[in-house]
Amino acid sequence: MNESDALMVAKRFIECLRNGDVEGIGALYHDDLIVWRNLDNRELVKAQVMKVVGFLAKNVHALAYDDVRVRPTSDGFVQTHVLRGTAPNGEQVNAYACLVVSLTGNQISRVDEYLDSAQLAPLMG
């Protein structure tokens, strides 16, 4: 994995997130994707993660990913960002995130996701 390939995947990933392109995100995810979340110490598979991505794209008004920073690693990249938007209940969301991403080829095969549950509370209804 070279840095430019990792940065290309990272750029496409954030573009898809910003545009609510659920299908594009799905194409970036490897079929054997695993996403570990610090919120509940669970590992999710691709189908479960796609439900979360779809929920965000459909239900968070003015969804934005700001202050994006990407650092390539030996097997992928680390991305930090702030997820912003308006939750379905009208509350503002400002959730700082750190994703440690591993790639298999040009697809995301693993994400270790670090979020503050208190900042996501408006989305938890």
C-alpha atoms as a PDB file:
ATOM      1  CA  MET A   1       0.000   0.000   0.000  1.00  0.00           C
ATOM      2  CA  ASN A   2       1.507   3.305  -1.002  1.00  0.00           C
ATOM      3  CA  GLU A   3       0.556   6.664   0.463  1.00  0.00           C
ATOM      4  CA  SER A   4      -1.003   8.054  -2.704  1.00  0.00           C
ATOM      5  CA  ASP A   5      -3.370   5.050  -3.013  1.00  0.00           C
ATOM      6  CA  ALA A   6      -4.399   5.397   0.625  1.00  0.00           C
ATOM      7  CA  LEU A   7      -4.982   9.121   0.214  1.00  0.00           C
ATOM      8  CA  MET A   8      -7.075   8.500  -2.918  1.00  0.00           C
ATOM      9  CA  VAL A   9      -9.335   6.101  -1.008  1.00  0.00           C
ATOM     10  CA  ALA A  10      -9.560   8.542   1.917  1.00  0.00           C
ATOM     11  CA  LYS A  11     -10.498  11.392  -0.440  1.00  0.00           C
ATOM     12  CA  ARG A  12     -13.190   9.313  -2.162  1.00  0.00           C
ATOM     13  CA  PHE A  13     -14.510   8.125   1.219  1.00  0.00           C
ATOM     14  CA  ILE A  14     -15.010  11.640   2.577  1.00  0.00           C
ATOM     15  CA  GLU A  15     -16.515  12.801  -0.739  1.00  0.00           C
ATOM     16  CA  CYS A  16     -19.077  10.009  -0.543  1.00  0.00           C
ATOM     17  CA  LEU A  17     -19.844  10.798   3.103  1.00  0.00           C
ATOM     18  CA  ARG A  18     -20.263  14.511   2.385  1.00  0.00           C
ATOM     19  CA  ASN A  19     -22.536  13.838  -0.599  1.00  0.00           C
ATOM     20  CA  GLY A  20     -24.643  11.214   1.144  1.00  0.00           C
ATOM     21  CA  ASP A  21     -23.545   8.736  -1.538  1.00  0.00           C
ATOM     22  CA  VAL A  22     -24.498   5.529   0.241  1.00  0.00           C
ATOM     23  CA  GLU A  23     -23.821   3.367  -2.831  1.00  0.00           C
ATOM     24  CA  GLY A  24     -20.393   4.947  -3.270  1.00  0.00           C
ATOM     25  CA  ILE A  25     -19.517   4.200   0.329  1.00  0.00           C
ATOM     26  CA  GLY A  26     -20.731   0.643  -0.119  1.00  0.00           C
ATOM     27  CA  ALA A  27     -18.411   0.243  -3.108  1.00  0.00           C
ATOM     28  CA  LEU A  28     -15.467   1.446  -1.016  1.00  0.00           C
ATOM     29  CA  TYR A  29     -16.210  -1.089   1.708  1.00  0.00           C
ATOM     30  CA  HIS A  30     -14.754  -4.569   1.277  1.00  0.00           C
ATOM     31  CA  ASP A  31     -17.334  -7.379   1.454  1.00  0.00           C
ATOM     32  CA  ASP A  32     -15.607  -8.659   4.608  1.00  0.00           C
ATOM     33  CA  LEU A  33     -15.593  -5.223   6.271  1.00  0.00           C
ATOM     34  CA  ILE A  34     -15.397  -5.082  10.059  1.00  0.00           C
ATOM     35  CA  VAL A  35     -16.048  -1.850  11.948  1.00  0.00           C
ATOM     36  CA  TRP A  36     -15.212  -1.815  15.645  1.00  0.00           C
ATOM     37  CA  ARG A  37     -16.837   0.942  17.705  1.00  0.00           C
ATOM     38  CA  ASN A  38     -15.546   2.203  21.005  1.00  0.00           C
ATOM     39  CA  LEU A  39     -19.088   3.263  21.951  1.00  0.00           C
ATOM     40  CA  ASP A  40     -20.196  -0.269  22.639  1.00  0.00           C
ATOM     41  CA  ASN A  41     -17.078  -2.363  21.984  1.00  0.00           C
ATOM     42  CA  ARG A  42     -18.905  -4.126  19.122  1.00  0.00           C
ATOM     43  CA  GLU A  43     -17.742  -5.245  15.718  1.00  0.00           C
ATOM     44  CA  LEU A  44     -20.183  -4.622  12.902  1.00  0.00           C
ATOM     45  CA  VAL A  45     -20.191  -6.233   9.460  1.00  0.00           C
ATOM     46  CA  LYS A  46     -20.775  -4.423   6.188  1.00  0.00           C
ATOM     47  CA  ALA A  47     -24.577  -4.821   6.140  1.00  0.00           C
ATOM     48  CA  GLN A  48     -24.866  -3.344   9.638  1.00  0.00           C
ATOM     49  CA  VAL A  49     -22.534  -0.454   8.838  1.00  0.00           C
ATOM     50  CA  MET A  50     -24.463   0.334   5.671  1.00  0.00           C
ATOM     51  CA  LYS A  51     -27.640   0.721   7.761  1.00  0.00           C
ATOM     52  CA  VAL A  52     -25.863   3.309   9.914  1.00  0.00           C
ATOM     53  CA  VAL A  53     -24.537   5.142   6.846  1.00  0.00           C
ATOM     54  CA  GLY A  54     -28.025   5.124   5.304  1.00  0.00           C
ATOM     55  CA  PHE A  55     -29.587   6.419   8.523  1.00  0.00           C
ATOM     56  CA  LEU A  56     -27.144   9.331   8.690  1.00  0.00           C
ATOM     57  CA  ALA A  57     -27.593  10.234   5.017  1.00  0.00           C
ATOM     58  CA  LYS A  58     -31.390  10.096   5.251  1.00  0.00           C
ATOM     59  CA  ASN A  59     -32.095  11.474   8.722  1.00  0.00           C
ATOM     60  CA  VAL A  60     -29.444  14.052   9.600  1.00  0.00           C
ATOM     61  CA  HIS A  61     -30.316  17.400   8.050  1.00  0.00           C
ATOM     62  CA  ALA A  62     -27.417  19.497   6.724  1.00  0.00           C
ATOM     63  CA  LEU A  63     -25.039  16.595   7.348  1.00  0.00           C
ATOM     64  CA  ALA A  64     -21.434  17.757   7.082  1.00  0.00           C
ATOM     65  CA  TYR A  65     -18.009  16.347   7.741  1.00  0.00           C
ATOM     66  CA  ASP A  66     -15.738  19.233   8.727  1.00  0.00           C
ATOM     67  CA  ASP A  67     -12.141  19.656   9.804  1.00  0.00           C
ATOM     68  CA  VAL A  68     -11.125  16.476   7.984  1.00  0.00           C
ATOM     69  CA  ARG A  69      -7.524  15.433   8.502  1.00  0.00           C
ATOM     70  CA  VAL A  70      -5.976  12.333   6.965  1.00  0.00           C
ATOM     71  CA  ARG A  71      -2.642  10.693   7.710  1.00  0.00           C
ATOM     72  CA  PRO A  72      -1.538   7.693   5.650  1.00  0.00           C
ATOM     73  CA  THR A  73      -0.305   4.617   7.524  1.00  0.00           C
ATOM     74  CA  SER A  74       1.473   1.461   6.433  1.00  0.00           C
ATOM     75  CA  ASP A  75      -1.852  -0.319   5.743  1.00  0.00           C
ATOM     76  CA  GLY A  76      -4.351   2.513   5.249  1.00  0.00           C
ATOM     77  CA  PHE A  77      -4.956   5.856   6.938  1.00  0.00           C
ATOM     78  CA  VAL A  78      -6.094   7.633  10.076  1.00  0.00           C
ATOM     79  CA  GLN A  79      -8.855  10.182   9.624  1.00  0.00           C
ATOM     80  CA  THR A  80     -10.201  12.693  12.093  1.00  0.00           C
ATOM     81  CA  HIS A  81     -13.262  14.812  11.416  1.00  0.00           C
ATOM     82  CA  VAL A  82     -16.258  16.498  12.994  1.00  0.00           C
ATOM     83  CA  LEU A  83     -19.677  15.152  12.027  1.00  0.00           C
ATOM     84  CA  ARG A  84     -22.160  18.018  12.108  1.00  0.00           C
ATOM     85  CA  GLY A  85     -25.829  18.290  11.358  1.00  0.00           C
ATOM     86  CA  THR A  86     -29.299  18.506  12.797  1.00  0.00           C
ATOM     87  CA  ALA A  87     -30.745  15.364  14.360  1.00  0.00           C
ATOM     88  CA  PRO A  88     -34.318  14.296  13.572  1.00  0.00           C
ATOM     89  CA  ASN A  89     -35.407  15.804  16.926  1.00  0.00           C
ATOM     90  CA  GLY A  90     -33.987  19.212  15.916  1.00  0.00           C
ATOM     91  CA  GLU A  91     -30.908  19.094  18.158  1.00  0.00           C
ATOM     92  CA  GLN A  92     -27.511  20.032  16.751  1.00  0.00           C
ATOM     93  CA  VAL A  93     -24.881  17.325  16.426  1.00  0.00           C
ATOM     94  CA  ASN A  94     -21.159  18.084  16.676  1.00  0.00           C
ATOM     95  CA  ALA A  95     -19.371  14.754  17.047  1.00  0.00           C
ATOM     96  CA  TYR A  96     -15.590  14.527  16.877  1.00  0.00           C
ATOM     97  CA  ALA A  97     -14.382  11.257  15.412  1.00  0.00           C
ATOM     98  CA  CYS A  98     -11.173   9.365  14.800  1.00  0.00           C
ATOM     99  CA  LEU A  99     -11.138   6.481  12.327  1.00  0.00           C
ATOM    100  CA  VAL A 100      -8.228   4.082  12.015  1.00  0.00           C
ATOM    101  CA  VAL A 101      -8.725   2.545   8.583  1.00  0.00           C
ATOM    102  CA  SER A 102      -7.112  -0.567   7.078  1.00  0.00           C
ATOM    103  CA  LEU A 103      -7.266  -1.212   3.355  1.00  0.00           C
ATOM    104  CA  THR A 104      -7.261  -4.369   1.292  1.00  0.00           C
ATOM    105  CA  GLY A 105      -6.374  -3.212  -2.191  1.00  0.00           C
ATOM    106  CA  ASN A 106      -8.379  -0.054  -2.743  1.00  0.00           C
ATOM    107  CA  GLN A 107     -11.191  -1.033  -0.395  1.00  0.00           C
ATOM    108  CA  ILE A 108     -11.741  -0.376   3.285  1.00  0.00           C
ATOM    109  CA  SER A 109     -11.531  -3.694   5.127  1.00  0.00           C
ATOM    110  CA  ARG A 110     -11.446  -2.539   8.758  1.00  0.00           C
ATOM    111  CA  VAL A 111     -12.306   0.612  10.680  1.00  0.00           C
ATOM    112  CA  ASP A 112     -11.645   1.216  14.356  1.00  0.00           C
ATOM    113  CA  GLU A 113     -13.991   4.088  15.163  1.00  0.00           C
ATOM    114  CA  TYR A 114     -13.577   6.348  18.180  1.00  0.00           C
ATOM    115  CA  LEU A 115     -16.456   8.678  19.076  1.00  0.00           C
ATOM    116  CA  ASP A 116     -17.781  10.402  22.191  1.00  0.00           C
ATOM    117  CA  SER A 117     -21.218   8.962  22.979  1.00  0.00           C
ATOM    118  CA  ALA A 118     -22.344  12.209  24.621  1.00  0.00           C
ATOM    119  CA  GLN A 119     -21.781  14.084  21.358  1.00  0.00           C
ATOM    120  CA  LEU A 120     -23.960  11.550  19.507  1.00  0.00           C
ATOM    121  CA  ALA A 121     -26.797  11.679  22.063  1.00  0.00           C
ATOM    122  CA  PRO A 122     -29.083  13.761  19.779  1.00  0.00           C
ATOM    123  CA  LEU A 123     -28.985  10.936  17.223  1.00  0.00           C
ATOM    124  CA  MET A 124     -29.828   8.259  19.745  1.00  0.00           C
ATOM    125  CA  GLY A 125     -33.317   9.695  20.284  1.00  0.00           C
END
